[in-house]
Structures are given as structure tokens and as C-alpha cells.
Amino acid sequence: AALRLALACAFAAFAIWALWLSRRRRMRWLFATAFLGVVVWWITIPPAHDRNWRPEVAVMPRAVIDGDRVRITGVRNFDYRTRNDFTVREEREVQLSHLTGLDFYVSYFMEGPVGHTFVSFIFDNAPPLSISVETRPEVGEGFAPVASMFKQFELIYVVGEERDLVNVRANHRQEPIYLYRLNTSADDARRLLLVYLERINELADRPEFYHLLTNSCTINIVRYANAAGRVGRIDIRHILNGLADSYLYRSGRMDTTLPFDELRRRSLINEAARAADGASDFSQRIRVSLPTIPR
């Protein structure tokens, strides 16, 4: 990273000198040639699966669909002792006929209108199954929004239990996190899950880069909802995704019985998640006091 930064600074200094300080036309042609070379080099950088990944993203999930049954490997169900100390994965089987609904999460890793969004598929005979579209950082890497637009991170679909994906955000990263039930039929939820599973297998076979504006969490949720039958337009709140709950409420995809501000206040689950930390019934306990979610 330090070498890349040094080279970028050196190239920027050369650009300033060649374009504005030097009076020789040859220097401008030299810069244009160098710039074209950098562009060609950058375009040819391939994504990869064989890097020194951080443990929480080291395994790509896969899904096998056999009629009504779906078997998923690489499912995260970590027991967290601290943010970076945990035990690892499992295999899980779910039945499409028991999929009844869809929940939506917004988590804020920084102040402002940008956050992280992901979904949980709700079953009437099993705990929810969460799927989160994320960067796949290597050891020593952290998320950098601008860098994510320049082939800095590969993409991963993290499949896991809520006692992992929700718990780590609420209790170990201390991120404010909100949970909402969506007005989604069982059939639409099944179609959406199948779209996700297809993409999970494609990604396991062929790596891709994460991109903040074109291949990120909320953008892909919207893209797959469209593939599953959603009708709607792209909205600025799909980019400023910390406002995605407002978008869903005002487009009628949430229960609007309560005013939005009241619904949002009551949908903050951090206190319930702290009380349920490590519990086997984590998913039930974080929903106990939520409005609009049947219990």
C-alpha cells in the first residue's frame, strides 16, 4: 500500500510538471503515453480468489439446490469473543417452501448518510438466513470507499446466521443497526433468494471486484430485487444507502402504520442485541420489541 501511494504521488507530481510547469510539448506527449500505459495496466488487473484473506472472509460460500432443499456451505456462524477472535463456519440446509418473508438491515459504520445494508430471509421452521454483499479484505486491509472504486477489494457474499452478522456489528463494532420487516410475499422472497444463490455460485467460480457505485451492497440488493420482479427506479438513496430505510418506507415496501421517525426509533436493535449476545435464540430476542413484526 505504501509503495502504491508513493508511485501515485510520483505520477501526480509528474503530471503537474508535464502539463502545467514544463513548456515543452514533448513532455505532454510523454505524459499522455505514460497515462495511457497506466490505464491499460489498470484495466488488465484481474480479481483473484487466492490472496491472504482476513479469516472472516477466507471462505467463499456455495449453494446446491435440490428441488425444495438448498444446502449452503461456508455459512458463517462465528462465536465472537472479541472483534477479531472467533470460531468459524458451518453448513446449513433450508427449504424454499418454508421461506415466508424478508427483513432488511441498515448498519452505520461511520457518521453520515452512508451505511451498510443486507437482508435476512425468514423461515417458519428455522432461524433466519442473512446474506450480506461485502468487500473481501486481505489481512491488514480496512474499508476505504474511494479506493473501492479502483479495484482495491474483491467481492464476497457473506452468508451467515444473524447471531454472527448482526451480533458482530451491534456488539463488537458498536455500529448502530436497524431492523425492518419488508412487505414482501413468500413467492417474491423465494425468487430473490434463488437470484442470490445463483450469484453466490457465480462468484465462487469467477471472482469479481467490489465497486462502491456499481457492485456494492445496496446496488446489488436493488439489482436482484429487480430480477425477482421489483418495479421501481434507481434512487439517490441507493447510493446514499444510510437513507435506504426512508426510501423503502416512502415507496410502500414497509408497514406505514407508524410515522417513519417513530418506526425508525423503535427499529434500533442495539440494546436487544447486547442483551442477546451469544444466545442461541438471538434472532428471536432482537425482534421481541420491534413494531410491525409478528411474534
Protein backbone atom coordinates (compact mmCIF):
# COMPACT_ATOMS: atom_id res chain seq x y z
CA ALA A 1 0.00 0.00 0.00
CA ALA A 2 2.85 2.38 0.84
CA LEU A 3 4.52 1.64 -2.49
CA ARG A 4 1.28 2.23 -4.41
CA LEU A 5 0.80 5.54 -2.60
CA ALA A 6 4.37 6.63 -3.35
CA LEU A 7 4.00 5.73 -7.04
CA ALA A 8 0.66 7.55 -7.25
CA CYS A 9 2.18 10.68 -5.70
CA ALA A 10 5.15 10.49 -8.07
CA PHE A 11 2.85 10.13 -11.08
CA ALA A 12 0.71 13.06 -9.89
CA ALA A 13 3.82 15.21 -9.49
CA PHE A 14 4.96 14.24 -12.99
CA ALA A 15 1.51 15.12 -14.38
CA ILE A 16 1.59 18.59 -12.78
CA TRP A 17 5.08 19.24 -14.12
CA ALA A 18 4.37 17.88 -17.63
CA LEU A 19 1.00 19.60 -18.11
CA TRP A 20 1.46 22.93 -16.35
CA LEU A 21 5.09 23.65 -15.46
CA SER A 22 7.02 22.33 -18.45
CA ARG A 23 6.80 24.35 -21.66
CA ARG A 24 8.00 21.54 -23.85
CA ARG A 25 5.35 19.85 -25.97
CA ARG A 26 7.36 16.62 -25.86
CA MET A 27 6.70 16.35 -22.13
CA ARG A 28 2.96 16.47 -22.74
CA TRP A 29 3.24 13.65 -25.25
CA LEU A 30 5.36 11.72 -22.78
CA PHE A 31 2.71 12.19 -20.09
CA ALA A 32 -0.07 11.12 -22.47
CA THR A 33 1.85 7.94 -23.30
CA ALA A 34 2.51 7.22 -19.63
CA PHE A 35 -1.13 7.89 -18.75
CA LEU A 36 -2.33 5.52 -21.48
CA GLY A 37 0.05 2.87 -20.17
CA VAL A 38 -1.32 3.24 -16.64
CA VAL A 39 -4.90 2.95 -17.93
CA VAL A 40 -4.10 -0.21 -19.90
CA TRP A 41 -2.29 -1.70 -16.90
CA TRP A 42 -5.22 -0.88 -14.58
CA ILE A 43 -7.82 -2.36 -16.95
CA THR A 44 -5.91 -5.63 -17.10
CA ILE A 45 -5.68 -6.10 -13.30
CA PRO A 46 -7.69 -9.30 -12.63
CA PRO A 47 -9.65 -10.16 -9.47
CA ALA A 48 -8.48 -13.28 -7.64
CA HIS A 49 -9.53 -15.82 -5.03
CA ASP A 50 -6.00 -16.75 -3.90
CA ARG A 51 -5.00 -13.92 -1.60
CA ASN A 52 -4.14 -13.71 2.11
CA TRP A 53 -7.73 -13.06 3.20
CA ARG A 54 -8.85 -11.98 6.62
CA PRO A 55 -10.31 -15.02 8.44
CA GLU A 56 -13.90 -13.79 8.38
CA VAL A 57 -13.92 -13.72 4.55
CA ALA A 58 -11.46 -16.53 3.82
CA VAL A 59 -14.10 -19.00 2.56
CA MET A 60 -16.46 -18.37 -0.35
CA PRO A 61 -19.93 -19.84 0.24
CA ARG A 62 -21.55 -22.18 -2.25
CA ALA A 63 -25.12 -23.41 -2.69
CA VAL A 64 -26.55 -26.67 -4.02
CA ILE A 65 -30.24 -26.54 -4.95
CA ASP A 66 -32.10 -29.85 -4.98
CA GLY A 67 -35.78 -29.17 -5.60
CA ASP A 68 -37.16 -27.60 -2.44
CA ARG A 69 -33.96 -28.06 -0.48
CA VAL A 70 -30.96 -25.76 -0.54
CA ARG A 71 -27.65 -26.77 1.04
CA ILE A 72 -25.18 -23.95 1.62
CA THR A 73 -21.55 -24.43 2.63
CA GLY A 74 -19.30 -21.78 4.14
CA VAL A 75 -22.09 -20.33 6.28
CA ARG A 76 -20.74 -18.01 8.96
CA ASN A 77 -21.88 -18.71 12.49
CA PHE A 78 -18.94 -17.36 14.45
CA ASP A 79 -18.86 -17.29 18.23
CA TYR A 80 -17.21 -13.95 18.93
CA ARG A 81 -15.03 -13.46 21.98
CA THR A 82 -13.73 -10.17 20.59
CA ARG A 83 -14.00 -8.50 17.18
CA ASN A 84 -11.03 -10.50 15.86
CA ASP A 85 -11.22 -13.66 17.99
CA PHE A 86 -13.87 -16.18 16.97
CA THR A 87 -14.66 -19.74 15.96
CA VAL A 88 -15.82 -20.39 12.45
CA ARG A 89 -18.17 -21.86 9.83
CA GLU A 90 -20.83 -24.45 9.29
CA GLU A 91 -23.02 -25.98 6.60
CA ARG A 92 -26.74 -25.25 6.55
CA GLU A 93 -29.79 -26.61 4.75
CA VAL A 94 -33.02 -24.66 4.23
CA GLN A 95 -36.31 -25.43 2.49
CA LEU A 96 -37.72 -22.95 0.00
CA SER A 97 -41.30 -23.93 0.86
CA HIS A 98 -40.72 -22.72 4.43
CA LEU A 99 -39.42 -19.29 3.36
CA THR A 100 -42.06 -16.77 4.43
CA GLY A 101 -40.60 -13.26 4.35
CA LEU A 102 -37.70 -10.84 4.16
CA ASP A 103 -36.10 -8.50 6.69
CA PHE A 104 -33.84 -5.55 5.90
CA TYR A 105 -30.91 -4.20 7.92
CA VAL A 106 -29.15 -0.85 7.85
CA SER A 107 -25.91 -0.58 9.84
CA TYR A 108 -23.81 2.59 10.19
CA PHE A 109 -20.04 2.14 10.28
CA MET A 110 -19.50 5.91 10.00
CA GLU A 111 -21.47 9.09 10.58
CA GLY A 112 -23.46 10.45 7.68
CA PRO A 113 -25.84 9.14 5.01
CA VAL A 114 -23.78 6.09 4.05
CA GLY A 115 -24.02 2.71 5.76
CA HIS A 116 -24.15 -1.00 5.05
CA THR A 117 -27.35 -2.82 4.10
CA PHE A 118 -28.14 -6.52 3.99
CA VAL A 119 -31.11 -8.85 4.12
CA SER A 120 -32.32 -11.82 6.15
CA PHE A 121 -34.58 -14.49 4.70
CA ILE A 122 -37.24 -15.60 7.19
CA PHE A 123 -38.28 -19.25 7.58
CA ASP A 124 -41.14 -20.69 9.60
CA ASN A 125 -39.14 -23.76 10.63
CA ALA A 126 -35.59 -22.44 11.06
CA PRO A 127 -33.63 -19.34 12.10
CA PRO A 128 -33.27 -16.51 9.55
CA LEU A 129 -30.51 -16.72 6.95
CA SER A 130 -28.59 -13.49 6.36
CA ILE A 131 -26.79 -12.60 3.12
CA SER A 132 -24.50 -9.59 3.06
CA VAL A 133 -22.71 -8.21 -0.02
CA GLU A 134 -19.30 -7.00 1.18
CA THR A 135 -15.70 -6.28 0.32
CA ARG A 136 -13.31 -9.18 0.75
CA PRO A 137 -10.35 -7.58 2.53
CA GLU A 138 -6.92 -9.09 2.81
CA VAL A 139 -5.07 -9.28 6.12
CA GLY A 140 -4.19 -5.72 7.15
CA GLU A 141 -6.78 -4.07 4.91
CA GLY A 142 -9.72 -1.94 6.01
CA PHE A 143 -12.58 -0.49 4.01
CA ALA A 144 -11.83 2.68 2.02
CA PRO A 145 -14.80 4.00 -0.01
CA VAL A 146 -12.77 5.84 -2.65
CA ALA A 147 -10.25 3.03 -3.05
CA SER A 148 -13.12 0.58 -3.56
CA MET A 149 -13.79 2.21 -6.95
CA PHE A 150 -10.28 1.37 -8.16
CA LYS A 151 -10.01 -2.43 -7.94
CA GLN A 152 -8.79 -2.36 -4.36
CA PHE A 153 -11.13 -5.05 -3.00
CA GLU A 154 -12.64 -8.26 -4.27
CA LEU A 155 -16.33 -9.02 -3.69
CA ILE A 156 -17.87 -11.61 -1.38
CA TYR A 157 -21.42 -12.61 -0.49
CA VAL A 158 -21.25 -13.44 3.20
CA VAL A 159 -23.91 -16.00 4.14
CA GLY A 160 -24.43 -16.41 7.85
CA GLU A 161 -26.55 -16.60 10.95
CA GLU A 162 -27.81 -13.35 12.47
CA ARG A 163 -26.05 -14.20 15.73
CA ASP A 164 -22.87 -13.64 13.69
CA LEU A 165 -23.58 -10.98 11.04
CA VAL A 166 -25.81 -8.82 13.24
CA ASN A 167 -24.07 -9.53 16.51
CA VAL A 168 -20.60 -8.53 15.30
CA ARG A 169 -21.90 -5.18 14.06
CA ALA A 170 -24.02 -4.36 17.09
CA ASN A 171 -21.79 -5.64 19.89
CA HIS A 172 -18.21 -5.80 18.65
CA ARG A 173 -18.02 -2.99 16.10
CA GLN A 174 -20.52 -0.87 18.06
CA GLU A 175 -22.40 0.16 14.92
CA PRO A 176 -25.97 1.49 15.20
CA ILE A 177 -28.10 -1.12 13.41
CA TYR A 178 -31.76 -1.03 12.40
CA LEU A 179 -34.04 -3.96 11.51
CA TYR A 180 -37.20 -3.72 9.39
CA ARG A 181 -39.73 -6.23 8.06
CA LEU A 182 -40.42 -5.69 4.36
CA ASN A 183 -43.77 -6.08 2.63
CA THR A 184 -42.54 -8.98 0.55
CA SER A 185 -44.60 -12.03 -0.35
CA ALA A 186 -43.24 -15.52 0.24
CA ASP A 187 -43.06 -16.11 -3.52
CA ASP A 188 -41.08 -12.91 -4.09
CA ALA A 189 -38.74 -13.78 -1.21
CA ARG A 190 -38.11 -17.21 -2.75
CA ARG A 191 -37.38 -15.71 -6.15
CA LEU A 192 -34.97 -13.25 -4.55
CA LEU A 193 -33.17 -15.98 -2.62
CA LEU A 194 -32.70 -18.01 -5.80
CA VAL A 195 -31.20 -14.96 -7.53
CA TYR A 196 -28.79 -14.54 -4.62
CA LEU A 197 -27.83 -18.21 -4.68
CA GLU A 198 -27.10 -18.10 -8.40
CA ARG A 199 -24.82 -15.09 -7.87
CA ILE A 200 -23.12 -16.75 -4.90
CA ASN A 201 -22.15 -19.72 -7.07
CA GLU A 202 -21.07 -17.49 -9.96
CA LEU A 203 -18.82 -15.53 -7.65
CA ALA A 204 -17.30 -18.68 -6.15
CA ASP A 205 -16.36 -19.77 -9.68
CA ARG A 206 -15.31 -16.38 -11.03
CA PRO A 207 -14.02 -13.60 -8.74
CA GLU A 208 -15.15 -10.01 -9.16
CA PHE A 209 -14.10 -6.64 -7.81
CA TYR A 210 -16.25 -4.71 -5.39
CA HIS A 211 -17.17 -1.22 -6.63
CA LEU A 212 -18.89 1.34 -4.42
CA LEU A 213 -21.15 2.64 -7.20
CA THR A 214 -21.77 -0.42 -9.38
CA ASN A 215 -21.13 -3.62 -7.41
CA SER A 216 -21.84 -2.95 -3.74
CA CYS A 217 -24.34 -3.92 -1.06
CA THR A 218 -27.41 -1.77 -1.77
CA ILE A 219 -26.86 -1.56 -5.53
CA ASN A 220 -26.89 -5.35 -5.73
CA ILE A 221 -29.92 -5.68 -3.45
CA VAL A 222 -31.83 -3.39 -5.83
CA ARG A 223 -30.48 -5.22 -8.89
CA TYR A 224 -31.56 -8.62 -7.57
CA ALA A 225 -34.92 -7.32 -6.39
CA ASN A 226 -35.49 -6.11 -9.96
CA ALA A 227 -34.54 -9.55 -11.27
CA ALA A 228 -37.02 -11.09 -8.83
CA GLY A 229 -39.87 -8.86 -10.02
CA ARG A 230 -39.49 -5.48 -8.31
CA VAL A 231 -40.76 -2.50 -10.28
CA GLY A 232 -39.03 0.79 -9.49
CA ARG A 233 -36.38 3.30 -10.46
CA ILE A 234 -32.84 3.87 -9.29
CA ASP A 235 -32.83 6.43 -6.49
CA ILE A 236 -30.02 8.52 -4.97
CA ARG A 237 -30.75 6.72 -1.69
CA HIS A 238 -29.45 3.52 -3.26
CA ILE A 239 -26.03 5.24 -3.26
CA LEU A 240 -26.53 7.20 -0.02
CA ASN A 241 -27.73 3.94 1.43
CA GLY A 242 -27.93 5.11 5.00
CA LEU A 243 -31.20 6.61 3.78
CA ALA A 244 -32.41 3.35 2.23
CA ASP A 245 -34.91 2.73 5.03
CA SER A 246 -36.55 6.08 4.28
CA TYR A 247 -36.76 5.11 0.60
CA LEU A 248 -38.35 1.74 1.39
CA TYR A 249 -40.86 3.32 3.76
CA ARG A 250 -41.92 6.06 1.35
CA SER A 251 -42.21 3.59 -1.54
CA GLY A 252 -44.58 1.42 0.48
CA ARG A 253 -42.23 -1.52 0.98
CA MET A 254 -42.54 -1.30 4.78
CA ASP A 255 -45.54 -1.14 7.07
CA THR A 256 -46.50 2.54 7.25
CA THR A 257 -48.82 2.27 10.26
CA LEU A 258 -46.34 4.30 12.32
CA PRO A 259 -44.75 7.58 11.22
CA PHE A 260 -41.30 6.88 9.79
CA ASP A 261 -39.39 8.64 12.57
CA GLU A 262 -41.21 6.59 15.20
CA LEU A 263 -40.72 3.36 13.26
CA ARG A 264 -37.02 4.07 12.89
CA ARG A 265 -36.57 4.91 16.56
CA ARG A 266 -38.19 1.65 17.59
CA SER A 267 -36.29 -0.39 14.98
CA LEU A 268 -32.87 0.28 16.54
CA ILE A 269 -31.86 -3.13 17.91
CA ASN A 270 -28.50 -2.48 19.62
CA GLU A 271 -29.86 -2.75 23.15
CA ALA A 272 -31.68 -6.00 22.38
CA ALA A 273 -28.59 -7.36 20.59
CA ARG A 274 -26.41 -6.61 23.62
CA ALA A 275 -28.84 -8.45 25.87
CA ALA A 276 -28.91 -11.43 23.47
CA ASP A 277 -25.14 -11.54 22.81
CA GLY A 278 -24.12 -15.17 22.24
CA ALA A 279 -27.61 -16.58 22.85
CA SER A 280 -28.90 -19.44 20.71
CA ASP A 281 -32.22 -17.58 20.32
CA PHE A 282 -30.51 -14.34 19.25
CA SER A 283 -32.80 -13.81 16.24
CA GLN A 284 -35.98 -14.12 18.28
CA ARG A 285 -34.74 -11.85 21.04
CA ILE A 286 -33.73 -8.95 18.79
CA ARG A 287 -37.27 -8.96 17.33
CA VAL A 288 -39.27 -9.13 20.57
CA SER A 289 -39.93 -5.40 20.92
CA LEU A 290 -39.95 -4.46 17.24
CA PRO A 291 -43.07 -2.87 15.74
CA THR A 292 -44.79 -4.41 12.70
CA ILE A 293 -43.02 -7.80 13.06
CA PRO A 294 -45.34 -10.68 14.10
CA ARG A 295 -44.17 -12.72 17.08
